[in-house]
Amino acid sequence: DAVISPSGTGNVYMAGTARVLFAWAKKGIFYSIFGKVNA
């Protein structure tokens, strides 16, 4: 489980980090390429 538990949380936070960077770029105070979503 020490393999599964941290891995599951790390997986979620990898996704969450991308959303945070997206939000930062979305407001025009970070590079716009990070504010785009694949259709």
Full PDB file with SEQRES, HELIX, SHEET, SSBOND, CRYST1, ORIGX, SCALE, CONECT and MASTER records, all heavy atoms in Angstrom:
SEQRES   1 A   39  ASP ALA VAL ILE SER PRO SER GLY THR GLY ASN VAL TYR          
SEQRES   2 A   39  MET ALA GLY THR ALA ARG VAL LEU PHE ALA TRP ALA LYS          
SEQRES   3 A   39  LYS GLY ILE PHE TYR SER ILE PHE GLY LYS VAL ASN ALA          
HELIX    1 AA1 ILE A    4  LYS A   26  1                                  23    
HELIX    2 AA2 SER A   32  GLY A   35  5                                   4    
CRYST1    1.000    1.000    1.000  90.00  90.00  90.00 P 1           1          
ORIGX1      1.000000  0.000000  0.000000        0.00000                         
ORIGX2      0.000000  1.000000  0.000000        0.00000                         
ORIGX3      0.000000  0.000000  1.000000        0.00000                         
SCALE1      1.000000  0.000000  0.000000        0.00000                         
SCALE2      0.000000  1.000000  0.000000        0.00000                         
SCALE3      0.000000  0.000000  1.000000        0.00000                         
ATOM      1  N   ASP A   1       0.820  -1.206   0.000  1.00  0.00           N  
ATOM      2  CA  ASP A   1       0.000   0.000   0.000  1.00  0.00           C  
ATOM      3  C   ASP A   1       0.857   1.260   0.000  1.00  0.00           C  
ATOM      4  O   ASP A   1       0.414   2.313  -0.462  1.00  0.00           O  
ATOM      5  CB  ASP A   1      -0.925   0.022   1.214  1.00  0.00           C  
ATOM      6  CG  ASP A   1      -1.959   1.116   1.096  1.00  0.00           C  
ATOM      7  OD1 ASP A   1      -2.830   1.003   0.203  1.00  0.00           O  
ATOM      8  OD2 ASP A   1      -1.896   2.089   1.860  1.00  0.00           O  
ATOM      9  N   ALA A   2       2.089   1.160   0.527  1.00  0.00           N  
ATOM     10  CA  ALA A   2       2.991   2.305   0.495  1.00  0.00           C  
ATOM     11  C   ALA A   2       3.379   2.676  -0.931  1.00  0.00           C  
ATOM     12  O   ALA A   2       3.866   3.783  -1.178  1.00  0.00           O  
ATOM     13  CB  ALA A   2       4.244   2.014   1.319  1.00  0.00           C  
ATOM     14  N   VAL A   3       3.183   1.753  -1.841  1.00  0.00           N  
ATOM     15  CA  VAL A   3       3.358   2.052  -3.267  1.00  0.00           C  
ATOM     16  C   VAL A   3       2.099   2.723  -3.812  1.00  0.00           C  
ATOM     17  O   VAL A   3       2.160   3.717  -4.529  1.00  0.00           O  
ATOM     18  CB  VAL A   3       3.660   0.768  -4.070  1.00  0.00           C  
ATOM     19  CG1 VAL A   3       3.691   1.062  -5.562  1.00  0.00           C  
ATOM     20  CG2 VAL A   3       4.979   0.154  -3.611  1.00  0.00           C  
ATOM     21  N   ILE A   4       0.941   2.203  -3.419  1.00  0.00           N  
ATOM     22  CA  ILE A   4      -0.330   2.676  -3.975  1.00  0.00           C  
ATOM     23  C   ILE A   4      -0.746   4.037  -3.415  1.00  0.00           C  
ATOM     24  O   ILE A   4      -1.113   4.943  -4.161  1.00  0.00           O  
ATOM     25  CB  ILE A   4      -1.450   1.648  -3.700  1.00  0.00           C  
ATOM     26  CG1 ILE A   4      -1.101   0.302  -4.350  1.00  0.00           C  
ATOM     27  CG2 ILE A   4      -2.785   2.163  -4.219  1.00  0.00           C  
ATOM     28  CD1 ILE A   4      -0.991   0.341  -5.844  1.00  0.00           C  
ATOM     29  N   SER A   5      -0.700   4.209  -2.094  1.00  0.00           N  
ATOM     30  CA  SER A   5      -1.221   5.439  -1.476  1.00  0.00           C  
ATOM     31  C   SER A   5      -0.499   6.696  -1.948  1.00  0.00           C  
ATOM     32  O   SER A   5      -1.139   7.631  -2.433  1.00  0.00           O  
ATOM     33  CB  SER A   5      -1.163   5.330   0.054  1.00  0.00           C  
ATOM     34  OG  SER A   5      -2.134   4.425   0.522  1.00  0.00           O  
ATOM     35  N   PRO A   6       0.834   6.776  -1.821  1.00  0.00           N  
ATOM     36  CA  PRO A   6       1.502   7.980  -2.315  1.00  0.00           C  
ATOM     37  C   PRO A   6       1.343   8.154  -3.824  1.00  0.00           C  
ATOM     38  O   PRO A   6       1.230   9.279  -4.316  1.00  0.00           O  
ATOM     39  CB  PRO A   6       2.965   7.759  -1.931  1.00  0.00           C  
ATOM     40  CG  PRO A   6       2.935   6.759  -0.841  1.00  0.00           C  
ATOM     41  CD  PRO A   6       1.777   5.864  -1.157  1.00  0.00           C  
ATOM     42  N   SER A   7       1.331   7.039  -4.552  1.00  0.00           N  
ATOM     43  CA  SER A   7       1.202   7.139  -6.006  1.00  0.00           C  
ATOM     44  C   SER A   7      -0.152   7.719  -6.398  1.00  0.00           C  
ATOM     45  O   SER A   7      -0.253   8.559  -7.297  1.00  0.00           O  
ATOM     46  CB  SER A   7       1.382   5.761  -6.652  1.00  0.00           C  
ATOM     47  OG  SER A   7       2.671   5.250  -6.401  1.00  0.00           O  
ATOM     48  N   GLY A   8      -1.209   7.273  -5.701  1.00  0.00           N  
ATOM     49  CA  GLY A   8      -2.532   7.799  -5.999  1.00  0.00           C  
ATOM     50  C   GLY A   8      -2.614   9.291  -5.721  1.00  0.00           C  
ATOM     51  O   GLY A   8      -3.169  10.062  -6.517  1.00  0.00           O  
ATOM     52  N   THR A   9      -2.052   9.730  -4.595  1.00  0.00           N  
ATOM     53  CA  THR A   9      -2.068  11.149  -4.256  1.00  0.00           C  
ATOM     54  C   THR A   9      -1.197  11.947  -5.211  1.00  0.00           C  
ATOM     55  O   THR A   9      -1.576  13.040  -5.658  1.00  0.00           O  
ATOM     56  CB  THR A   9      -1.586  11.352  -2.810  1.00  0.00           C  
ATOM     57  OG1 THR A   9      -2.451  10.628  -1.932  1.00  0.00           O  
ATOM     58  CG2 THR A   9      -1.587  12.815  -2.433  1.00  0.00           C  
ATOM     59  N   GLY A  10      -0.021  11.422  -5.535  1.00  0.00           N  
ATOM     60  CA  GLY A  10       0.848  12.109  -6.490  1.00  0.00           C  
ATOM     61  C   GLY A  10       0.187  12.279  -7.836  1.00  0.00           C  
ATOM     62  O   GLY A  10       0.326  13.318  -8.499  1.00  0.00           O  
ATOM     63  N   ASN A  11      -0.564  11.270  -8.264  1.00  0.00           N  
ATOM     64  CA  ASN A  11      -1.288  11.333  -9.527  1.00  0.00           C  
ATOM     65  C   ASN A  11      -2.315  12.466  -9.513  1.00  0.00           C  
ATOM     66  O   ASN A  11      -2.428  13.248 -10.457  1.00  0.00           O  
ATOM     67  CB  ASN A  11      -1.985   9.995  -9.785  1.00  0.00           C  
ATOM     68  CG  ASN A  11      -2.764   9.976 -11.072  1.00  0.00           C  
ATOM     69  OD1 ASN A  11      -2.311  10.470 -12.094  1.00  0.00           O  
ATOM     70  ND2 ASN A  11      -3.960   9.414 -11.031  1.00  0.00           N  
ATOM     71  N   VAL A  12      -3.060  12.594  -8.405  1.00  0.00           N  
ATOM     72  CA  VAL A  12      -4.065  13.650  -8.298  1.00  0.00           C  
ATOM     73  C   VAL A  12      -3.405  15.024  -8.292  1.00  0.00           C  
ATOM     74  O   VAL A  12      -3.867  15.955  -8.960  1.00  0.00           O  
ATOM     75  CB  VAL A  12      -4.914  13.454  -7.025  1.00  0.00           C  
ATOM     76  CG1 VAL A  12      -5.857  14.631  -6.825  1.00  0.00           C  
ATOM     77  CG2 VAL A  12      -5.716  12.162  -7.115  1.00  0.00           C  
ATOM     78  N   TYR A  13      -2.307  15.149  -7.552  1.00  0.00           N  
ATOM     79  CA  TYR A  13      -1.656  16.459  -7.472  1.00  0.00           C  
ATOM     80  C   TYR A  13      -0.957  16.840  -8.777  1.00  0.00           C  
ATOM     81  O   TYR A  13      -0.798  18.028  -9.065  1.00  0.00           O  
ATOM     82  CB  TYR A  13      -0.675  16.501  -6.301  1.00  0.00           C  
ATOM     83  CG  TYR A  13      -1.323  16.988  -5.030  1.00  0.00           C  
ATOM     84  CD1 TYR A  13      -1.867  16.100  -4.112  1.00  0.00           C  
ATOM     85  CD2 TYR A  13      -1.411  18.345  -4.758  1.00  0.00           C  
ATOM     86  CE1 TYR A  13      -2.476  16.544  -2.959  1.00  0.00           C  
ATOM     87  CE2 TYR A  13      -2.023  18.798  -3.603  1.00  0.00           C  
ATOM     88  CZ  TYR A  13      -2.547  17.899  -2.700  1.00  0.00           C  
ATOM     89  OH  TYR A  13      -3.166  18.345  -1.564  1.00  0.00           O  
ATOM     90  N   MET A  14      -0.523  15.867  -9.545  1.00  0.00           N  
ATOM     91  CA  MET A  14       0.017  16.190 -10.867  1.00  0.00           C  
ATOM     92  C   MET A  14      -1.066  16.871 -11.701  1.00  0.00           C  
ATOM     93  O   MET A  14      -0.825  17.889 -12.372  1.00  0.00           O  
ATOM     94  CB  MET A  14       0.497  14.918 -11.573  1.00  0.00           C  
ATOM     95  CG  MET A  14       1.053  15.152 -12.979  1.00  0.00           C  
ATOM     96  SD  MET A  14       2.615  16.056 -12.977  1.00  0.00           S  
ATOM     97  CE  MET A  14       3.703  14.774 -12.331  1.00  0.00           C  
ATOM     98  N   ALA A  15      -2.274  16.318 -11.641  1.00  0.00           N  
ATOM     99  CA  ALA A  15      -3.401  16.917 -12.356  1.00  0.00           C  
ATOM    100  C   ALA A  15      -3.749  18.278 -11.772  1.00  0.00           C  
ATOM    101  O   ALA A  15      -4.021  19.241 -12.503  1.00  0.00           O  
ATOM    102  CB  ALA A  15      -4.609  15.993 -12.300  1.00  0.00           C  
ATOM    103  N   GLY A  16      -3.747  18.378 -10.437  1.00  0.00           N  
ATOM    104  CA  GLY A  16      -4.101  19.633  -9.792  1.00  0.00           C  
ATOM    105  C   GLY A  16      -3.117  20.742 -10.106  1.00  0.00           C  
ATOM    106  O   GLY A  16      -3.511  21.900 -10.288  1.00  0.00           O  
ATOM    107  N   THR A  17      -1.818  20.426 -10.166  1.00  0.00           N  
ATOM    108  CA  THR A  17      -0.815  21.431 -10.507  1.00  0.00           C  
ATOM    109  C   THR A  17      -1.084  22.021 -11.877  1.00  0.00           C  
ATOM    110  O   THR A  17      -0.966  23.230 -12.093  1.00  0.00           O  
ATOM    111  CB  THR A  17       0.595  20.820 -10.469  1.00  0.00           C  
ATOM    112  OG1 THR A  17       0.819  20.210  -9.205  1.00  0.00           O  
ATOM    113  CG2 THR A  17       1.656  21.880 -10.704  1.00  0.00           C  
ATOM    114  N   ALA A  18      -1.451  21.162 -12.821  1.00  0.00           N  
ATOM    115  CA  ALA A  18      -1.759  21.640 -14.170  1.00  0.00           C  
ATOM    116  C   ALA A  18      -2.933  22.613 -14.148  1.00  0.00           C  
ATOM    117  O   ALA A  18      -2.926  23.631 -14.858  1.00  0.00           O  
ATOM    118  CB  ALA A  18      -2.063  20.462 -15.087  1.00  0.00           C  
ATOM    119  N   ARG A  19      -3.955  22.337 -13.317  1.00  0.00           N  
ATOM    120  CA  ARG A  19      -5.111  23.246 -13.231  1.00  0.00           C  
ATOM    121  C   ARG A  19      -4.723  24.569 -12.606  1.00  0.00           C  
ATOM    122  O   ARG A  19      -5.237  25.625 -12.982  1.00  0.00           O  
ATOM    123  CB  ARG A  19      -6.236  22.603 -12.411  1.00  0.00           C  
ATOM    124  CG  ARG A  19      -7.209  21.751 -13.215  1.00  0.00           C  
ATOM    125  CD  ARG A  19      -6.582  20.492 -13.726  1.00  0.00           C  
ATOM    126  NE  ARG A  19      -7.509  19.635 -14.474  1.00  0.00           N  
ATOM    127  CZ  ARG A  19      -7.134  18.508 -15.060  1.00  0.00           C  
ATOM    128  NH1 ARG A  19      -5.871  18.092 -14.973  1.00  0.00           N  
ATOM    129  NH2 ARG A  19      -8.013  17.795 -15.733  1.00  0.00           N  
ATOM    130  N   VAL A  20      -3.814  24.554 -11.638  1.00  0.00           N  
ATOM    131  CA  VAL A  20      -3.359  25.794 -11.008  1.00  0.00           C  
ATOM    132  C   VAL A  20      -2.590  26.645 -12.013  1.00  0.00           C  
ATOM    133  O   VAL A  20      -2.792  27.864 -12.117  1.00  0.00           O  
ATOM    134  CB  VAL A  20      -2.493  25.475  -9.772  1.00  0.00           C  
ATOM    135  CG1 VAL A  20      -1.754  26.721  -9.303  1.00  0.00           C  
ATOM    136  CG2 VAL A  20      -3.366  24.932  -8.653  1.00  0.00           C  
ATOM    137  N   LEU A  21      -1.678  26.027 -12.758  1.00  0.00           N  
ATOM    138  CA  LEU A  21      -0.918  26.761 -13.765  1.00  0.00           C  
ATOM    139  C   LEU A  21      -1.841  27.295 -14.859  1.00  0.00           C  
ATOM    140  O   LEU A  21      -1.658  28.413 -15.354  1.00  0.00           O  
ATOM    141  CB  LEU A  21       0.156  25.857 -14.374  1.00  0.00           C  
ATOM    142  CG  LEU A  21       1.266  25.415 -13.397  1.00  0.00           C  
ATOM    143  CD1 LEU A  21       2.151  24.364 -14.057  1.00  0.00           C  
ATOM    144  CD2 LEU A  21       2.098  26.612 -12.958  1.00  0.00           C  
ATOM    145  N   PHE A  22      -2.840  26.492 -15.231  1.00  0.00           N  
ATOM    146  CA  PHE A  22      -3.846  26.941 -16.198  1.00  0.00           C  
ATOM    147  C   PHE A  22      -4.551  28.193 -15.678  1.00  0.00           C  
ATOM    148  O   PHE A  22      -4.739  29.179 -16.396  1.00  0.00           O  
ATOM    149  CB  PHE A  22      -4.866  25.824 -16.447  1.00  0.00           C  
ATOM    150  CG  PHE A  22      -6.111  26.274 -17.160  1.00  0.00           C  
ATOM    151  CD1 PHE A  22      -6.155  26.295 -18.547  1.00  0.00           C  
ATOM    152  CD2 PHE A  22      -7.230  26.677 -16.442  1.00  0.00           C  
ATOM    153  CE1 PHE A  22      -7.301  26.719 -19.213  1.00  0.00           C  
ATOM    154  CE2 PHE A  22      -8.380  27.085 -17.088  1.00  0.00           C  
ATOM    155  CZ  PHE A  22      -8.416  27.116 -18.471  1.00  0.00           C  
ATOM    156  N   ALA A  23      -4.964  28.147 -14.391  1.00  0.00           N  
ATOM    157  CA  ALA A  23      -5.687  29.279 -13.813  1.00  0.00           C  
ATOM    158  C   ALA A  23      -4.821  30.526 -13.776  1.00  0.00           C  
ATOM    159  O   ALA A  23      -5.294  31.638 -14.028  1.00  0.00           O  
ATOM    160  CB  ALA A  23      -6.153  28.915 -12.397  1.00  0.00           C  
ATOM    161  N   TRP A  24      -3.562  30.362 -13.477  1.00  0.00           N  
ATOM    162  CA  TRP A  24      -2.624  31.489 -13.430  1.00  0.00           C  
ATOM    163  C   TRP A  24      -2.513  32.130 -14.810  1.00  0.00           C  
ATOM    164  O   TRP A  24      -2.569  33.345 -14.951  1.00  0.00           O  
ATOM    165  CB  TRP A  24      -1.280  30.957 -12.975  1.00  0.00           C  
ATOM    166  CG  TRP A  24      -0.528  31.880 -12.075  1.00  0.00           C  
ATOM    167  CD1 TRP A  24      -1.010  32.976 -11.417  1.00  0.00           C  
ATOM    168  CD2 TRP A  24       0.845  31.769 -11.724  1.00  0.00           C  
ATOM    169  NE1 TRP A  24      -0.021  33.549 -10.672  1.00  0.00           N  
ATOM    170  CE2 TRP A  24       1.120  32.834 -10.838  1.00  0.00           C  
ATOM    171  CE3 TRP A  24       1.856  30.887 -12.053  1.00  0.00           C  
ATOM    172  CZ2 TRP A  24       2.393  33.034 -10.292  1.00  0.00           C  
ATOM    173  CZ3 TRP A  24       3.106  31.076 -11.507  1.00  0.00           C  
ATOM    174  CH2 TRP A  24       3.378  32.136 -10.634  1.00  0.00           C  
ATOM    175  N   ALA A  25      -2.324  31.286 -15.826  1.00  0.00           N  
ATOM    176  CA  ALA A  25      -2.204  31.792 -17.185  1.00  0.00           C  
ATOM    177  C   ALA A  25      -3.515  32.396 -17.671  1.00  0.00           C  
ATOM    178  O   ALA A  25      -3.532  33.361 -18.444  1.00  0.00           O  
ATOM    179  CB  ALA A  25      -1.761  30.666 -18.117  1.00  0.00           C  
ATOM    180  N   LYS A  26      -4.625  31.831 -17.232  1.00  0.00           N  
ATOM    181  CA  LYS A  26      -5.942  32.276 -17.678  1.00  0.00           C  
ATOM    182  C   LYS A  26      -6.194  33.729 -17.321  1.00  0.00           C  
ATOM    183  O   LYS A  26      -6.892  34.446 -18.034  1.00  0.00           O  
ATOM    184  CB  LYS A  26      -7.013  31.385 -17.039  1.00  0.00           C  
ATOM    185  CG  LYS A  26      -8.409  31.576 -17.606  1.00  0.00           C  
ATOM    186  CD  LYS A  26      -8.504  30.997 -18.990  1.00  0.00           C  
ATOM    187  CE  LYS A  26      -9.936  31.057 -19.489  1.00  0.00           C  
ATOM    188  NZ  LYS A  26     -10.015  30.600 -20.884  1.00  0.00           N  
ATOM    189  N   LYS A  27      -5.619  34.180 -16.213  1.00  0.00           N  
ATOM    190  CA  LYS A  27      -5.816  35.555 -15.771  1.00  0.00           C  
ATOM    191  C   LYS A  27      -4.804  36.523 -16.369  1.00  0.00           C  
ATOM    192  O   LYS A  27      -4.761  37.694 -15.998  1.00  0.00           O  
ATOM    193  CB  LYS A  27      -5.761  35.622 -14.244  1.00  0.00           C  
ATOM    194  CG  LYS A  27      -6.908  34.906 -13.550  1.00  0.00           C  
ATOM    195  CD  LYS A  27      -8.259  35.463 -13.953  1.00  0.00           C  
ATOM    196  CE  LYS A  27      -8.445  36.896 -13.496  1.00  0.00           C  
ATOM    197  NZ  LYS A  27      -9.757  37.441 -13.898  1.00  0.00           N  
ATOM    198  N   GLY A  28      -3.985  36.044 -17.307  1.00  0.00           N  
ATOM    199  CA  GLY A  28      -3.094  36.944 -18.029  1.00  0.00           C  
ATOM    200  C   GLY A  28      -1.826  37.322 -17.302  1.00  0.00           C  
ATOM    201  O   GLY A  28      -1.145  38.275 -17.699  1.00  0.00           O  
ATOM    202  N   ILE A  29      -1.458  36.596 -16.238  1.00  0.00           N  
ATOM    203  CA  ILE A  29      -0.225  36.927 -15.523  1.00  0.00           C  
ATOM    204  C   ILE A  29       0.765  35.763 -15.575  1.00  0.00           C  
ATOM    205  O   ILE A  29       1.634  35.626 -14.720  1.00  0.00           O  
ATOM    206  CB  ILE A  29      -0.509  37.326 -14.062  1.00  0.00           C  
ATOM    207  CG1 ILE A  29      -1.418  36.317 -13.367  1.00  0.00           C  
ATOM    208  CG2 ILE A  29      -1.117  38.711 -13.994  1.00  0.00           C  
ATOM    209  CD1 ILE A  29      -1.666  36.627 -11.901  1.00  0.00           C  
ATOM    210  N   PHE A  30       0.614  34.925 -16.603  1.00  0.00           N  
ATOM    211  CA  PHE A  30       1.569  33.866 -16.857  1.00  0.00           C  
ATOM    212  C   PHE A  30       1.475  33.555 -18.341  1.00  0.00           C  
ATOM    213  O   PHE A  30       0.566  34.013 -19.023  1.00  0.00           O  
ATOM    214  CB  PHE A  30       1.260  32.634 -15.988  1.00  0.00           C  
ATOM    215  CG  PHE A  30       2.428  31.696 -15.801  1.00  0.00           C  
ATOM    216  CD1 PHE A  30       3.678  32.186 -15.477  1.00  0.00           C  
ATOM    217  CD2 PHE A  30       2.275  30.321 -15.934  1.00  0.00           C  
ATOM    218  CE1 PHE A  30       4.751  31.330 -15.292  1.00  0.00           C  
ATOM    219  CE2 PHE A  30       3.341  29.461 -15.749  1.00  0.00           C  
ATOM    220  CZ  PHE A  30       4.576  29.973 -15.432  1.00  0.00           C  
ATOM    221  N   TYR A  31       2.417  32.784 -18.865  1.00  0.00           N  
ATOM    222  CA  TYR A  31       2.449  32.544 -20.307  1.00  0.00           C  
ATOM    223  C   TYR A  31       1.143  31.922 -20.799  1.00  0.00           C  
ATOM    224  O   TYR A  31       0.637  30.961 -20.231  1.00  0.00           O  
ATOM    225  CB  TYR A  31       3.625  31.624 -20.652  1.00  0.00           C  
ATOM    226  CG  TYR A  31       4.977  32.269 -20.427  1.00  0.00           C  
ATOM    227  CD1 TYR A  31       5.780  31.866 -19.361  1.00  0.00           C  
ATOM    228  CD2 TYR A  31       5.431  33.280 -21.258  1.00  0.00           C  
ATOM    229  CE1 TYR A  31       7.026  32.460 -19.142  1.00  0.00           C  
ATOM    230  CE2 TYR A  31       6.673  33.885 -21.046  1.00  0.00           C  
ATOM    231  CZ  TYR A  31       7.459  33.467 -19.991  1.00  0.00           C  
ATOM    232  OH  TYR A  31       8.670  34.057 -19.771  1.00  0.00           O  
ATOM    233  N   SER A  32       0.619  32.471 -21.888  1.00  0.00           N  
ATOM    234  CA  SER A  32      -0.705  32.081 -22.382  1.00  0.00           C  
ATOM    235  C   SER A  32      -0.764  30.630 -22.839  1.00  0.00           C  
ATOM    236  O   SER A  32      -1.842  30.025 -22.830  1.00  0.00           O  
ATOM    237  CB  SER A  32      -1.131  33.000 -23.539  1.00  0.00           C  
ATOM    238  OG  SER A  32      -0.202  32.907 -24.618  1.00  0.00           O  
ATOM    239  N   ILE A  33       0.365  30.038 -23.224  1.00  0.00           N  
ATOM    240  CA  ILE A  33       0.358  28.658 -23.697  1.00  0.00           C  
ATOM    241  C   ILE A  33      -0.127  27.702 -22.594  1.00  0.00           C  
ATOM    242  O   ILE A  33      -0.699  26.651 -22.870  1.00  0.00           O  
ATOM    243  CB  ILE A  33       1.762  28.224 -24.194  1.00  0.00           C  
ATOM    244  CG1 ILE A  33       1.664  26.864 -24.890  1.00  0.00           C  
ATOM    245  CG2 ILE A  33       2.761  28.169 -23.036  1.00  0.00           C  
ATOM    246  CD1 ILE A  33       2.957  26.439 -25.544  1.00  0.00           C  
ATOM    247  N   PHE A  34       0.060  28.104 -21.338  1.00  0.00           N  
ATOM    248  CA  PHE A  34      -0.372  27.262 -20.229  1.00  0.00           C  
ATOM    249  C   PHE A  34      -1.849  27.461 -19.901  1.00  0.00           C  
ATOM    250  O   PHE A  34      -2.380  26.795 -19.017  1.00  0.00           O  
ATOM    251  CB  PHE A  34       0.484  27.521 -18.994  1.00  0.00           C  
ATOM    252  CG  PHE A  34       1.955  27.274 -19.231  1.00  0.00           C  
ATOM    253  CD1 PHE A  34       2.883  28.299 -19.072  1.00  0.00           C  
ATOM    254  CD2 PHE A  34       2.400  26.028 -19.626  1.00  0.00           C  
ATOM    255  CE1 PHE A  34       4.229  28.076 -19.295  1.00  0.00           C  
ATOM    256  CE2 PHE A  34       3.749  25.799 -19.858  1.00  0.00           C  
ATOM    257  CZ  PHE A  34       4.667  26.825 -19.702  1.00  0.00           C  
ATOM    258  N   GLY A  35      -2.508  28.378 -20.594  1.00  0.00           N  
ATOM    259  CA  GLY A  35      -3.927  28.621 -20.389  1.00  0.00           C  
ATOM    260  C   GLY A  35      -4.792  28.011 -21.470  1.00  0.00           C  
ATOM    261  O   GLY A  35      -5.963  28.365 -21.609  1.00  0.00           O  
ATOM    262  N   LYS A  36      -4.245  27.088 -22.254  1.00  0.00           N  
ATOM    263  CA  LYS A  36      -4.986  26.438 -23.336  1.00  0.00           C  
ATOM    264  C   LYS A  36      -5.327  25.000 -22.962  1.00  0.00           C  
ATOM    265  O   LYS A  36      -4.552  24.318 -22.300  1.00  0.00           O  
ATOM    266  CB  LYS A  36      -4.174  26.464 -24.629  1.00  0.00           C  
ATOM    267  CG  LYS A  36      -3.893  27.876 -25.157  1.00  0.00           C  
ATOM    268  CD  LYS A  36      -3.124  27.829 -26.458  1.00  0.00           C  
ATOM    269  CE  LYS A  36      -2.790  29.234 -26.951  1.00  0.00           C  
ATOM    270  NZ  LYS A  36      -3.995  30.024 -27.247  1.00  0.00           N  
ATOM    271  N   VAL A  37      -6.497  24.559 -23.406  1.00  0.00           N  
ATOM    272  CA  VAL A  37      -6.974  23.206 -23.134  1.00  0.00           C  
ATOM    273  C   VAL A  37      -7.137  22.458 -24.449  1.00  0.00           C  
ATOM    274  O   VAL A  37      -7.675  22.998 -25.419  1.00  0.00           O  
ATOM    275  CB  VAL A  37      -8.324  23.243 -22.386  1.00  0.00           C  
ATOM    276  CG1 VAL A  37      -8.896  21.844 -22.232  1.00  0.00           C  
ATOM    277  CG2 VAL A  37      -8.153  23.901 -21.023  1.00  0.00           C  
ATOM    278  N   ASN A  38      -6.636  21.236 -24.487  1.00  0.00           N  
ATOM    279  CA  ASN A  38      -6.776  20.420 -25.684  1.00  0.00           C  
ATOM    280  C   ASN A  38      -8.243  20.100 -25.926  1.00  0.00           C  
ATOM    281  O   ASN A  38      -8.944  19.611 -25.032  1.00  0.00           O  
ATOM    282  CB  ASN A  38      -5.966  19.122 -25.520  1.00  0.00           C  
ATOM    283  CG  ASN A  38      -6.006  18.255 -26.751  1.00  0.00           C  
ATOM    284  OD1 ASN A  38      -6.922  17.449 -26.910  1.00  0.00           O  
ATOM    285  ND2 ASN A  38      -5.028  18.427 -27.624  1.00  0.00           N  
ATOM    286  N   ALA A  39      -8.730  20.385 -27.135  1.00  0.00           N  
ATOM    287  CA  ALA A  39     -10.159  20.249 -27.437  1.00  0.00           C  
ATOM    288  C   ALA A  39     -10.635  18.802 -27.333  1.00  0.00           C  
ATOM    289  O   ALA A  39     -11.760  18.539 -26.909  1.00  0.00           O  
ATOM    290  CB  ALA A  39     -10.443  20.799 -28.837  1.00  0.00           C  
TER     291      ALA A  39                                                      
MASTER        0    0    0    2    0    0    0    6  290    1    0    3          
END                                                                             
